[in-house]
N, C-alpha and C. Protein backbone atom coordinates (compact mmCIF):
# COMPACT_ATOMS: atom_id res chain seq x y z
N MET A 1 -3.98 43.55 -83.93
CA MET A 1 -4.42 44.91 -84.14
C MET A 1 -5.85 45.04 -83.62
N ASN A 2 -6.09 46.04 -82.79
CA ASN A 2 -7.43 46.27 -82.26
C ASN A 2 -8.20 47.22 -83.16
N ARG A 3 -9.26 46.69 -83.75
CA ARG A 3 -10.13 47.52 -84.58
C ARG A 3 -11.55 47.37 -84.06
N PRO A 4 -12.38 48.38 -84.27
CA PRO A 4 -13.78 48.24 -83.88
C PRO A 4 -14.41 47.05 -84.60
N MET A 5 -15.29 46.35 -83.92
CA MET A 5 -15.91 45.15 -84.48
C MET A 5 -16.64 45.44 -85.78
N LYS A 6 -17.33 46.57 -85.86
CA LYS A 6 -18.11 46.87 -87.06
C LYS A 6 -17.22 46.95 -88.29
N SER A 7 -16.12 47.66 -88.19
CA SER A 7 -15.26 47.79 -89.36
C SER A 7 -14.51 46.50 -89.65
N ALA A 8 -14.22 45.73 -88.63
CA ALA A 8 -13.48 44.49 -88.84
C ALA A 8 -14.35 43.41 -89.46
N CYS A 9 -15.61 43.32 -89.04
CA CYS A 9 -16.47 42.23 -89.50
C CYS A 9 -17.64 42.67 -90.36
N GLY A 10 -17.89 43.95 -90.42
CA GLY A 10 -19.02 44.43 -91.20
C GLY A 10 -20.36 44.03 -90.60
N LEU A 11 -20.44 43.91 -89.29
CA LEU A 11 -21.68 43.50 -88.63
C LEU A 11 -22.73 44.59 -88.69
N ARG A 12 -23.97 44.16 -88.67
CA ARG A 12 -25.10 45.08 -88.64
C ARG A 12 -25.81 44.92 -87.30
N ALA A 13 -26.45 45.97 -86.86
CA ALA A 13 -27.22 45.91 -85.62
C ALA A 13 -28.51 45.12 -85.86
N ILE A 14 -28.94 44.38 -84.86
CA ILE A 14 -30.19 43.63 -84.92
C ILE A 14 -31.13 44.24 -83.89
N HIS A 15 -32.33 44.61 -84.34
CA HIS A 15 -33.31 45.21 -83.44
C HIS A 15 -33.65 44.21 -82.34
N PRO A 16 -33.74 44.67 -81.09
CA PRO A 16 -34.02 43.75 -79.97
C PRO A 16 -35.33 42.96 -80.14
N GLU A 17 -36.33 43.54 -80.79
CA GLU A 17 -37.59 42.81 -80.99
C GLU A 17 -37.40 41.59 -81.89
N ILE A 18 -36.45 41.67 -82.81
CA ILE A 18 -36.15 40.51 -83.66
C ILE A 18 -35.61 39.37 -82.80
N VAL A 19 -34.71 39.71 -81.89
CA VAL A 19 -34.14 38.69 -81.00
C VAL A 19 -35.22 38.11 -80.10
N HIS A 20 -36.06 38.97 -79.50
CA HIS A 20 -37.14 38.50 -78.62
C HIS A 20 -38.08 37.56 -79.37
N ALA A 21 -38.47 37.96 -80.57
CA ALA A 21 -39.39 37.14 -81.35
C ALA A 21 -38.76 35.81 -81.75
N TYR A 22 -37.49 35.83 -82.06
CA TYR A 22 -36.80 34.58 -82.39
C TYR A 22 -36.80 33.65 -81.18
N LEU A 23 -36.49 34.22 -80.02
CA LEU A 23 -36.40 33.40 -78.81
C LEU A 23 -37.76 32.87 -78.37
N ASP A 24 -38.83 33.66 -78.56
CA ASP A 24 -40.15 33.16 -78.13
C ASP A 24 -40.86 32.38 -79.23
N GLY A 25 -40.21 32.21 -80.38
CA GLY A 25 -40.74 31.35 -81.43
C GLY A 25 -41.75 31.99 -82.35
N THR A 26 -41.93 33.31 -82.27
CA THR A 26 -42.94 33.96 -83.11
C THR A 26 -42.38 34.61 -84.37
N LEU A 27 -41.08 34.68 -84.52
CA LEU A 27 -40.51 35.39 -85.66
C LEU A 27 -40.92 34.76 -86.99
N LEU A 28 -40.64 33.50 -87.18
CA LEU A 28 -40.96 32.86 -88.47
C LEU A 28 -42.46 32.77 -88.69
N LYS A 29 -43.23 32.55 -87.61
CA LYS A 29 -44.69 32.49 -87.75
C LYS A 29 -45.23 33.83 -88.23
N SER A 30 -44.72 34.92 -87.67
CA SER A 30 -45.24 36.24 -88.02
C SER A 30 -44.81 36.68 -89.42
N LEU A 31 -43.65 36.24 -89.87
CA LEU A 31 -43.21 36.57 -91.23
C LEU A 31 -44.00 35.77 -92.25
N GLY A 32 -44.22 34.51 -91.95
CA GLY A 32 -45.05 33.65 -92.79
C GLY A 32 -44.68 33.68 -94.26
N PRO A 33 -45.68 33.39 -95.12
CA PRO A 33 -45.42 33.33 -96.56
C PRO A 33 -45.23 34.70 -97.20
N ASN A 34 -45.51 35.77 -96.46
CA ASN A 34 -45.42 37.13 -97.02
C ASN A 34 -44.02 37.71 -96.95
N ILE A 35 -43.03 36.91 -96.63
CA ILE A 35 -41.67 37.42 -96.48
C ILE A 35 -41.15 38.06 -97.76
N HIS A 36 -41.67 37.65 -98.92
CA HIS A 36 -41.18 38.18 -100.19
C HIS A 36 -41.96 39.41 -100.66
N ASN A 37 -43.01 39.79 -99.96
CA ASN A 37 -43.80 40.96 -100.36
C ASN A 37 -43.12 42.25 -99.93
N GLY A 38 -43.40 43.31 -100.63
CA GLY A 38 -42.86 44.62 -100.27
C GLY A 38 -43.57 45.20 -99.07
N VAL A 39 -43.18 46.38 -98.70
CA VAL A 39 -43.79 47.08 -97.58
C VAL A 39 -44.77 48.09 -98.13
N PRO A 40 -46.07 47.99 -97.79
CA PRO A 40 -47.04 48.96 -98.29
C PRO A 40 -46.68 50.37 -97.85
N GLY A 41 -46.82 51.32 -98.73
CA GLY A 41 -46.56 52.71 -98.41
C GLY A 41 -45.09 53.09 -98.43
N SER A 42 -44.23 52.20 -98.82
CA SER A 42 -42.81 52.50 -98.86
C SER A 42 -42.45 53.03 -100.24
N SER A 43 -41.80 54.19 -100.27
CA SER A 43 -41.42 54.77 -101.55
C SER A 43 -40.08 54.22 -102.04
N GLN A 44 -39.32 53.61 -101.17
CA GLN A 44 -38.02 53.07 -101.55
C GLN A 44 -38.11 51.56 -101.70
N GLN A 45 -37.32 51.04 -102.59
CA GLN A 45 -37.22 49.59 -102.73
C GLN A 45 -36.22 49.09 -101.70
N LEU A 46 -36.68 48.20 -100.85
CA LEU A 46 -35.82 47.60 -99.84
C LEU A 46 -35.51 46.17 -100.24
N PRO A 47 -34.37 45.67 -99.83
CA PRO A 47 -34.16 44.23 -100.01
C PRO A 47 -35.28 43.47 -99.31
N ARG A 48 -35.67 42.32 -99.83
CA ARG A 48 -36.84 41.63 -99.28
C ARG A 48 -36.67 41.27 -97.81
N GLU A 49 -35.46 40.97 -97.38
CA GLU A 49 -35.25 40.67 -95.97
C GLU A 49 -35.49 41.90 -95.11
N ALA A 50 -35.01 43.06 -95.56
CA ALA A 50 -35.22 44.30 -94.82
C ALA A 50 -36.70 44.66 -94.79
N ALA A 51 -37.39 44.46 -95.90
CA ALA A 51 -38.83 44.74 -95.95
C ALA A 51 -39.58 43.82 -94.99
N ALA A 52 -39.18 42.57 -94.92
CA ALA A 52 -39.84 41.63 -94.01
C ALA A 52 -39.62 42.03 -92.55
N VAL A 53 -38.42 42.46 -92.23
CA VAL A 53 -38.13 42.90 -90.86
C VAL A 53 -38.93 44.16 -90.54
N LEU A 54 -39.01 45.09 -91.46
CA LEU A 54 -39.78 46.31 -91.24
C LEU A 54 -41.25 45.99 -91.01
N ARG A 55 -41.80 45.10 -91.83
CA ARG A 55 -43.20 44.68 -91.65
C ARG A 55 -43.39 44.04 -90.28
N PHE A 56 -42.47 43.17 -89.91
CA PHE A 56 -42.55 42.50 -88.62
C PHE A 56 -42.56 43.51 -87.48
N LEU A 57 -41.64 44.47 -87.51
CA LEU A 57 -41.55 45.46 -86.44
C LEU A 57 -42.80 46.33 -86.37
N ARG A 58 -43.34 46.71 -87.53
CA ARG A 58 -44.58 47.49 -87.53
C ARG A 58 -45.72 46.71 -86.89
N ASN A 59 -45.84 45.44 -87.26
CA ASN A 59 -46.90 44.60 -86.68
C ASN A 59 -46.70 44.41 -85.18
N ARG A 60 -45.47 44.21 -84.78
CA ARG A 60 -45.17 44.01 -83.36
C ARG A 60 -45.53 45.26 -82.56
N ILE A 61 -45.24 46.43 -83.11
CA ILE A 61 -45.59 47.68 -82.44
C ILE A 61 -47.10 47.82 -82.34
N LEU A 62 -47.81 47.52 -83.43
CA LEU A 62 -49.27 47.60 -83.39
C LEU A 62 -49.85 46.66 -82.35
N LEU A 63 -49.32 45.46 -82.25
CA LEU A 63 -49.79 44.52 -81.23
C LEU A 63 -49.51 45.04 -79.83
N SER A 64 -48.34 45.63 -79.62
CA SER A 64 -47.99 46.17 -78.31
C SER A 64 -48.90 47.32 -77.92
N VAL A 65 -49.19 48.20 -78.87
CA VAL A 65 -50.07 49.34 -78.61
C VAL A 65 -51.48 48.84 -78.31
N GLY A 66 -51.95 47.87 -79.08
CA GLY A 66 -53.28 47.31 -78.85
C GLY A 66 -53.38 46.66 -77.48
N ALA A 67 -52.35 45.94 -77.07
CA ALA A 67 -52.35 45.30 -75.76
C ALA A 67 -52.32 46.34 -74.65
N ALA A 68 -51.55 47.40 -74.85
CA ALA A 68 -51.48 48.47 -73.85
C ALA A 68 -52.82 49.17 -73.70
N LYS A 69 -53.53 49.37 -74.80
CA LYS A 69 -54.85 49.99 -74.73
C LYS A 69 -55.83 49.09 -74.00
N GLY A 70 -55.72 47.79 -74.22
CA GLY A 70 -56.59 46.83 -73.54
C GLY A 70 -56.36 46.82 -72.04
N ILE A 71 -55.12 46.98 -71.62
CA ILE A 71 -54.79 47.02 -70.20
C ILE A 71 -55.27 48.31 -69.58
N ALA A 72 -55.16 49.42 -70.32
CA ALA A 72 -55.55 50.73 -69.80
C ALA A 72 -57.06 50.87 -69.65
N SER A 73 -57.83 50.08 -70.38
CA SER A 73 -59.30 50.20 -70.33
C SER A 73 -59.86 49.66 -69.06
């Protein structure tokens, strides 16, 4: 029986930056010991893994923006 993969396996999408960071070895370093902390400014309680991913993506975006500003100067 052909069923969509999501409904058959319950898979979740993984943000491409998570994959890039895993492959370049920075994912675990950037999460560090703060993986269990919540996300500042978040009104909702997220599972700790989701909060860690959100923190990681926010930091990655800030680093990208900072690097882009440095190149533009």
